[in-house]
């Protein structure tokens, strides 16, 4: 199954694969920021409820961005391959 996903990813157009790669990097960066805030808050002497909520919202945003980027990149690839074949 992993080989099939890898093969399909190689078939994507260059711009679609770049959109997905850079979007995943952004999402991973946001997830790391959310995790770092959470760990700092948990191990701090006086943890803050607001920092806890902020780390939760940043992590949720990272997951949402991942879904949006993957769906958007695949839709972008489908759209341009469809219209390129019609020309």
Protein backbone atom coordinates (compact mmCIF):
# COMPACT_ATOMS: atom_id res chain seq x y z
CA UNK A 1 0.00 0.00 0.00
CA UNK A 2 2.86 2.39 0.80
CA UNK A 3 4.40 1.65 -2.61
CA UNK A 4 1.08 2.46 -4.29
CA UNK A 5 0.82 5.82 -2.49
CA UNK A 6 4.45 6.59 -3.35
CA UNK A 7 3.87 5.73 -7.01
CA UNK A 8 0.75 7.95 -7.16
CA UNK A 9 2.65 10.80 -5.53
CA UNK A 10 5.35 10.53 -8.21
CA UNK A 11 2.65 10.88 -10.88
CA UNK A 12 1.53 14.28 -9.55
CA UNK A 13 2.49 17.38 -11.44
CA UNK A 14 5.46 19.37 -10.17
CA UNK A 15 3.45 22.28 -8.79
CA UNK A 16 0.95 20.01 -7.02
CA UNK A 17 3.68 18.02 -5.33
CA UNK A 18 5.38 21.25 -4.23
CA UNK A 19 2.11 22.54 -2.77
CA UNK A 20 1.72 19.33 -0.79
CA UNK A 21 5.35 19.19 0.36
CA UNK A 22 5.52 22.81 1.54
CA UNK A 23 2.08 22.58 3.12
CA UNK A 24 3.10 19.49 5.06
CA UNK A 25 6.24 21.27 6.23
CA UNK A 26 4.15 24.18 7.46
CA UNK A 27 1.77 21.81 9.19
CA UNK A 28 4.62 19.93 10.89
CA UNK A 29 6.12 23.23 12.03
CA UNK A 30 2.80 24.30 13.56
CA UNK A 31 2.41 20.92 15.24
CA UNK A 32 5.90 21.22 16.74
CA UNK A 33 5.10 24.73 18.01
CA UNK A 34 1.89 23.46 19.59
CA UNK A 35 3.72 20.54 21.18
CA UNK A 36 6.51 22.78 22.50
CA UNK A 37 3.99 25.18 24.04
CA UNK A 38 2.14 22.30 25.63
CA UNK A 39 5.30 20.76 27.08
CA UNK A 40 6.53 24.11 28.38
CA UNK A 41 3.18 24.73 29.99
CA UNK A 42 2.99 21.29 31.58
CA UNK A 43 6.52 21.44 33.01
CA UNK A 44 6.35 25.08 34.10
CA UNK A 45 6.00 25.77 37.79
CA UNK A 46 2.85 27.81 37.21
CA UNK A 47 1.04 26.53 34.12
CA UNK A 48 -1.40 28.79 32.34
CA UNK A 49 -4.83 27.75 31.14
CA UNK A 50 -4.53 30.17 28.20
CA UNK A 51 -1.25 28.66 27.01
CA UNK A 52 -2.88 25.24 27.23
CA UNK A 53 -5.76 26.41 25.04
CA UNK A 54 -3.37 28.13 22.62
CA UNK A 55 -1.32 24.96 22.17
CA UNK A 56 -4.52 22.98 21.58
CA UNK A 57 -5.78 25.44 18.95
CA UNK A 58 -2.42 25.53 17.17
CA UNK A 59 -2.36 21.72 17.00
CA UNK A 60 -5.94 21.62 15.70
CA UNK A 61 -5.04 24.21 13.07
CA UNK A 62 -2.08 22.08 11.99
CA UNK A 63 -4.32 19.07 11.41
CA UNK A 64 -6.85 21.20 9.50
CA UNK A 65 -4.11 22.71 7.34
CA UNK A 66 -2.83 19.22 6.54
CA UNK A 67 -6.24 18.14 5.29
CA UNK A 68 -6.76 21.34 3.30
CA UNK A 69 -3.32 21.15 1.69
CA UNK A 70 -3.65 17.50 0.68
CA UNK A 71 -7.15 17.91 -0.74
CA UNK A 72 -6.22 21.20 -2.42
CA UNK A 73 -3.05 19.79 -3.98
CA UNK A 74 -4.87 16.77 -5.35
CA UNK A 75 -7.74 18.91 -6.67
CA UNK A 76 -5.23 21.28 -8.27
CA UNK A 77 -3.52 18.33 -9.99
CA UNK A 78 -6.83 16.86 -11.17
CA UNK A 79 -8.03 20.20 -12.53
CA UNK A 80 -4.87 20.92 -14.52
CA UNK A 81 -4.52 17.39 -15.86
CA UNK A 82 -8.17 17.44 -16.98
CA UNK A 83 -7.89 20.80 -18.73
CA UNK A 84 -4.48 20.00 -20.19
CA UNK A 85 -5.89 16.89 -21.87
CA UNK A 86 -8.78 18.90 -23.36
CA UNK A 87 -6.45 21.31 -25.16
